[in-house]
Amino acid sequence: MKLCIPTLGSGGLDDVVSEHFGRAPTFTVVDMVSNKVEIVQNTGEHFGGVGNTPDLVAGAGAEIMLCSGLGPRAISMFEQLGIEVYVGASGTVSEVISAFQAGRLNEASDANACKMHRH
């Protein structure tokens, strides 16, 4: 199982979660079986590149996205790609993984989507 977390840099498990999923500079992808950590640069349109971020995450092989929050459109795009999304992530990547494993993150839905930006 591969987890993906939007992050502020390339610090791996010690990196800090980006609060704005689409504008995160990087995504930290953690393979929970092999413990391999991969840093993926955000080249999506919200970060000045091309394409959408859910496709970038899917291309990295992620099966689950753990983030602070995201909009209803992004939730729908992830659902179409078969990627589960959980919100409420904060702190470091390793802290987020622990919170996910302990069941402390909520599955993303329209009810808990970011309504402010409608993105």
C-alpha atoms as a PDB file:
ATOM      1  CA  MET A   1       0.000   0.000   0.000  1.00  0.00           C
ATOM      2  CA  LYS A   2       1.369   3.411  -1.002  1.00  0.00           C
ATOM      3  CA  LEU A   3       0.415   6.497   0.982  1.00  0.00           C
ATOM      4  CA  CYS A   4       0.837  10.020  -0.411  1.00  0.00           C
ATOM      5  CA  ILE A   5       1.117  13.173   1.696  1.00  0.00           C
ATOM      6  CA  PRO A   6       1.392  16.752   0.332  1.00  0.00           C
ATOM      7  CA  THR A   7       4.560  18.223   1.834  1.00  0.00           C
ATOM      8  CA  LEU A   8       6.595  21.417   2.021  1.00  0.00           C
ATOM      9  CA  GLY A   9       9.944  20.014   0.878  1.00  0.00           C
ATOM     10  CA  SER A  10      12.085  16.948   0.500  1.00  0.00           C
ATOM     11  CA  GLY A  11      12.552  15.933   4.131  1.00  0.00           C
ATOM     12  CA  GLY A  12      11.005  12.482   3.778  1.00  0.00           C
ATOM     13  CA  LEU A  13       9.371  11.170   6.942  1.00  0.00           C
ATOM     14  CA  ASP A  14      10.435  14.296   8.848  1.00  0.00           C
ATOM     15  CA  ASP A  15       8.916  16.713   6.327  1.00  0.00           C
ATOM     16  CA  VAL A  16       5.911  18.849   7.287  1.00  0.00           C
ATOM     17  CA  VAL A  17       2.473  18.453   5.735  1.00  0.00           C
ATOM     18  CA  SER A  18       1.448  21.254   3.385  1.00  0.00           C
ATOM     19  CA  GLU A  19      -1.898  22.716   4.413  1.00  0.00           C
ATOM     20  CA  HIS A  20      -2.850  23.457   0.790  1.00  0.00           C
ATOM     21  CA  PHE A  21      -2.924  20.183  -1.111  1.00  0.00           C
ATOM     22  CA  GLY A  22      -2.908  21.617  -4.667  1.00  0.00           C
ATOM     23  CA  ARG A  23      -0.115  24.084  -3.962  1.00  0.00           C
ATOM     24  CA  ALA A  24       2.128  21.704  -2.036  1.00  0.00           C
ATOM     25  CA  PRO A  25       5.674  21.931  -3.446  1.00  0.00           C
ATOM     26  CA  THR A  26       6.140  18.182  -3.110  1.00  0.00           C
ATOM     27  CA  PHE A  27       4.333  14.945  -2.377  1.00  0.00           C
ATOM     28  CA  THR A  28       5.929  12.346  -0.160  1.00  0.00           C
ATOM     29  CA  VAL A  29       4.974   8.826  -1.227  1.00  0.00           C
ATOM     30  CA  VAL A  30       5.577   6.079   1.325  1.00  0.00           C
ATOM     31  CA  ASP A  31       5.385   2.401   0.406  1.00  0.00           C
ATOM     32  CA  MET A  32       4.147   0.769   3.604  1.00  0.00           C
ATOM     33  CA  VAL A  33       5.378  -2.669   2.518  1.00  0.00           C
ATOM     34  CA  SER A  34       8.954  -1.834   1.498  1.00  0.00           C
ATOM     35  CA  ASN A  35       9.260   1.349   3.634  1.00  0.00           C
ATOM     36  CA  LYS A  36      10.599   3.130   0.528  1.00  0.00           C
ATOM     37  CA  VAL A  37      10.082   6.898   0.559  1.00  0.00           C
ATOM     38  CA  GLU A  38       9.840   8.827  -2.710  1.00  0.00           C
ATOM     39  CA  ILE A  39       9.621  12.603  -3.123  1.00  0.00           C
ATOM     40  CA  VAL A  40       7.547  13.751  -6.114  1.00  0.00           C
ATOM     41  CA  GLN A  41       7.751  17.376  -7.263  1.00  0.00           C
ATOM     42  CA  ASN A  42       4.381  19.053  -7.794  1.00  0.00           C
ATOM     43  CA  THR A  43       4.164  19.825 -11.501  1.00  0.00           C
ATOM     44  CA  GLY A  44       0.367  20.309 -11.472  1.00  0.00           C
ATOM     45  CA  GLU A  45      -1.447  23.354 -12.810  1.00  0.00           C
ATOM     46  CA  HIS A  46      -2.098  24.767  -9.312  1.00  0.00           C
ATOM     47  CA  PHE A  47       1.655  24.909  -8.819  1.00  0.00           C
ATOM     48  CA  GLY A  48       2.371  26.596 -12.148  1.00  0.00           C
ATOM     49  CA  GLY A  49       2.738  23.427 -14.223  1.00  0.00           C
ATOM     50  CA  VAL A  50       0.340  21.447 -16.354  1.00  0.00           C
ATOM     51  CA  GLY A  51      -2.173  18.727 -15.610  1.00  0.00           C
ATOM     52  CA  ASN A  52      -4.076  18.072 -12.446  1.00  0.00           C
ATOM     53  CA  THR A  53      -2.634  16.983  -9.152  1.00  0.00           C
ATOM     54  CA  PRO A  54      -4.747  13.819  -8.677  1.00  0.00           C
ATOM     55  CA  ASP A  55      -3.309  12.448 -11.938  1.00  0.00           C
ATOM     56  CA  LEU A  56       0.208  13.250 -10.683  1.00  0.00           C
ATOM     57  CA  VAL A  57      -0.495  11.378  -7.450  1.00  0.00           C
ATOM     58  CA  ALA A  58      -1.956   8.417  -9.344  1.00  0.00           C
ATOM     59  CA  GLY A  59       1.132   8.356 -11.563  1.00  0.00           C
ATOM     60  CA  ALA A  60       3.269   7.963  -8.445  1.00  0.00           C
ATOM     61  CA  GLY A  61       1.335   4.788  -7.635  1.00  0.00           C
ATOM     62  CA  ALA A  62      -0.421   6.168  -4.564  1.00  0.00           C
ATOM     63  CA  GLU A  63      -3.461   4.291  -3.338  1.00  0.00           C
ATOM     64  CA  ILE A  64      -4.300   6.582  -0.412  1.00  0.00           C
ATOM     65  CA  MET A  65      -3.937  10.375  -0.065  1.00  0.00           C
ATOM     66  CA  LEU A  66      -3.551  11.787   3.449  1.00  0.00           C
ATOM     67  CA  CYS A  67      -3.926  15.571   3.576  1.00  0.00           C
ATOM     68  CA  SER A  68      -5.023  18.483   5.700  1.00  0.00           C
ATOM     69  CA  GLY A  69      -8.019  19.164   3.501  1.00  0.00           C
ATOM     70  CA  LEU A  70      -9.079  19.568  -0.123  1.00  0.00           C
ATOM     71  CA  GLY A  71     -12.013  20.686  -2.192  1.00  0.00           C
ATOM     72  CA  PRO A  72     -14.948  18.653  -3.469  1.00  0.00           C
ATOM     73  CA  ARG A  73     -13.665  18.666  -7.068  1.00  0.00           C
ATOM     74  CA  ALA A  74     -10.359  17.095  -6.010  1.00  0.00           C
ATOM     75  CA  ILE A  75     -12.179  14.526  -3.872  1.00  0.00           C
ATOM     76  CA  SER A  76     -14.266  13.543  -6.894  1.00  0.00           C
ATOM     77  CA  MET A  77     -11.179  13.301  -9.114  1.00  0.00           C
ATOM     78  CA  PHE A  78      -9.430  11.029  -6.609  1.00  0.00           C
ATOM     79  CA  GLU A  79     -12.547   8.849  -6.340  1.00  0.00           C
ATOM     80  CA  GLN A  80     -12.591   8.452 -10.143  1.00  0.00           C
ATOM     81  CA  LEU A  81      -8.947   7.337  -9.998  1.00  0.00           C
ATOM     82  CA  GLY A  82      -9.681   4.801  -7.236  1.00  0.00           C
ATOM     83  CA  ILE A  83      -7.574   6.644  -4.657  1.00  0.00           C
ATOM     84  CA  GLU A  84      -8.927   6.884  -1.113  1.00  0.00           C
ATOM     85  CA  VAL A  85      -8.597  10.296   0.561  1.00  0.00           C
ATOM     86  CA  TYR A  86      -8.383  11.061   4.269  1.00  0.00           C
ATOM     87  CA  VAL A  87      -8.358  14.558   5.777  1.00  0.00           C
ATOM     88  CA  GLY A  88      -7.233  16.063   9.049  1.00  0.00           C
ATOM     89  CA  ALA A  89      -3.509  15.479   8.537  1.00  0.00           C
ATOM     90  CA  SER A  90      -1.055  17.790  10.288  1.00  0.00           C
ATOM     91  CA  GLY A  91       2.489  17.669  11.579  1.00  0.00           C
ATOM     92  CA  THR A  92       5.213  15.558  10.027  1.00  0.00           C
ATOM     93  CA  VAL A  93       4.810  12.757   7.513  1.00  0.00           C
ATOM     94  CA  SER A  94       5.613  10.147  10.168  1.00  0.00           C
ATOM     95  CA  GLU A  95       3.038  11.691  12.549  1.00  0.00           C
ATOM     96  CA  VAL A  96       0.407  11.642   9.794  1.00  0.00           C
ATOM     97  CA  ILE A  97       1.093   7.985   9.026  1.00  0.00           C
ATOM     98  CA  SER A  98       0.730   7.153  12.719  1.00  0.00           C
ATOM     99  CA  ALA A  99      -2.549   9.093  12.897  1.00  0.00           C
ATOM    100  CA  PHE A 100      -3.861   7.245   9.834  1.00  0.00           C
ATOM    101  CA  GLN A 101      -2.890   3.856  11.245  1.00  0.00           C
ATOM    102  CA  ALA A 102      -4.605   4.748  14.527  1.00  0.00           C
ATOM    103  CA  GLY A 103      -7.811   5.729  12.693  1.00  0.00           C
ATOM    104  CA  ARG A 104      -7.577   9.408  13.653  1.00  0.00           C
ATOM    105  CA  LEU A 105      -8.037  10.788  10.107  1.00  0.00           C
ATOM    106  CA  ASN A 106     -11.457  11.128   8.476  1.00  0.00           C
ATOM    107  CA  GLU A 107     -12.372   9.819   5.058  1.00  0.00           C
ATOM    108  CA  ALA A 108     -12.901  12.810   2.736  1.00  0.00           C
ATOM    109  CA  SER A 109     -16.462  13.635   1.736  1.00  0.00           C
ATOM    110  CA  ASP A 110     -18.524  16.586   0.519  1.00  0.00           C
ATOM    111  CA  ALA A 111     -19.405  17.259   4.149  1.00  0.00           C
ATOM    112  CA  ASN A 112     -15.771  17.825   5.215  1.00  0.00           C
ATOM    113  CA  ALA A 113     -14.436  19.259   1.935  1.00  0.00           C
ATOM    114  CA  CYS A 114     -12.817  22.683   1.867  1.00  0.00           C
ATOM    115  CA  LYS A 115     -15.693  24.996   0.949  1.00  0.00           C
ATOM    116  CA  MET A 116     -13.704  28.249   1.137  1.00  0.00           C
ATOM    117  CA  HIS A 117     -11.841  27.834  -2.143  1.00  0.00           C
ATOM    118  CA  ARG A 118     -14.217  25.409  -3.874  1.00  0.00           C
ATOM    119  CA  HIS A 119     -11.214  23.764  -5.534  1.00  0.00           C
END
